[in-house]
Amino acid sequence: MTIRRADDGTIHLEGACPVEDAEPLLQLLLASPKSPVDWSQCQKPHTAVVQVLMAAGAVPTGPCGDGWIAKWL
C-alpha cells in the first residue's frame, strides 16, 4: 500500500497510488480530517485518489511528486 499514517498523524502518499488506495485514504481522512497529507513522494496518483483529496477538502503539503499534477493542481 502506498498510503500510510506516520506516528505524528501525517498521512503520506508514496509511489504510484493506484485506484485501490482511494478507499483507505478516504477512511484515514474521515477518521482524522485535520491530518496533514504529504504527497511529495507520490509519483502517479490515480484520479480517484486526487478526487478523494479534493472532496475531503484536504490541502496536501509540498509539491506532488508527479510533475503534471504539481503543475495543474
Protein backbone atom coordinates (compact mmCIF):
# COMPACT_ATOMS: atom_id res chain seq x y z
CA MET A 1 0.00 0.00 0.00
CA THR A 2 1.28 3.43 -0.84
CA ILE A 3 -0.70 5.31 1.82
CA ARG A 4 0.39 5.32 5.45
CA ARG A 5 -0.11 7.34 8.59
CA ALA A 6 3.04 8.37 10.43
CA ASP A 7 3.32 8.48 14.22
CA ASP A 8 2.80 12.25 14.14
CA GLY A 9 -0.55 11.79 12.33
CA THR A 10 0.63 12.89 8.89
CA ILE A 11 -0.83 10.87 6.03
CA HIS A 12 1.86 10.05 3.47
CA LEU A 13 1.15 9.18 -0.16
CA GLU A 14 4.10 7.39 -1.73
CA GLY A 15 4.80 5.80 -5.08
CA ALA A 16 2.13 5.18 -7.72
CA CYS A 17 -1.04 5.50 -5.53
CA PRO A 18 -3.38 3.31 -7.63
CA VAL A 19 -7.19 3.37 -7.55
CA GLU A 20 -7.19 0.81 -4.72
CA ASP A 21 -5.69 3.47 -2.43
CA ALA A 22 -8.68 5.82 -2.74
CA GLU A 23 -10.83 3.97 -0.19
CA PRO A 24 -8.11 3.61 2.50
CA LEU A 25 -7.24 7.29 2.00
CA LEU A 26 -10.88 8.25 2.46
CA GLN A 27 -11.09 6.20 5.66
CA LEU A 28 -7.98 7.90 7.07
CA LEU A 29 -9.31 11.35 6.19
CA LEU A 30 -12.72 10.59 7.70
CA ALA A 31 -11.10 9.31 10.90
CA SER A 32 -8.92 12.40 11.27
CA PRO A 33 -9.94 15.18 8.87
CA LYS A 34 -7.34 17.64 10.18
CA SER A 35 -4.39 15.32 9.47
CA PRO A 36 -1.82 16.85 7.16
CA VAL A 37 -1.31 14.99 3.87
CA ASP A 38 2.21 14.81 2.42
CA TRP A 39 2.23 13.84 -1.24
CA SER A 40 5.75 14.90 -2.15
CA GLN A 41 6.70 11.25 -2.78
CA CYS A 42 3.54 10.42 -4.74
CA GLN A 43 4.60 9.84 -8.33
CA LYS A 44 1.46 8.85 -10.24
CA PRO A 45 -1.73 9.31 -8.23
CA HIS A 46 -4.84 7.78 -9.76
CA THR A 47 -7.55 10.36 -10.39
CA ALA A 48 -9.70 8.67 -7.72
CA VAL A 49 -7.01 9.45 -5.12
CA VAL A 50 -6.89 13.08 -6.25
CA GLN A 51 -10.70 13.25 -6.16
CA VAL A 52 -10.78 11.95 -2.58
CA LEU A 53 -8.30 14.64 -1.55
CA MET A 54 -10.35 17.33 -3.26
CA ALA A 55 -13.71 16.11 -1.93
CA ALA A 56 -12.34 15.88 1.61
CA GLY A 57 -11.00 19.42 1.39
CA ALA A 58 -7.50 18.19 2.18
CA VAL A 59 -4.69 20.54 1.22
CA PRO A 60 -1.61 18.39 0.64
CA THR A 61 1.72 19.75 1.84
CA GLY A 62 4.62 20.11 -0.52
CA PRO A 63 4.54 19.72 -4.27
CA CYS A 64 3.19 16.48 -5.69
CA GLY A 65 5.90 14.12 -6.90
CA ASP A 66 4.05 13.89 -10.23
CA GLY A 67 5.09 16.87 -12.37
CA TRP A 68 1.83 17.02 -14.31
CA ILE A 69 -0.29 17.05 -11.15
CA ALA A 70 2.02 19.58 -9.49
CA LYS A 71 1.63 21.87 -12.50
CA TRP A 72 -2.16 21.69 -12.74
CA LEU A 73 -3.30 21.47 -9.12
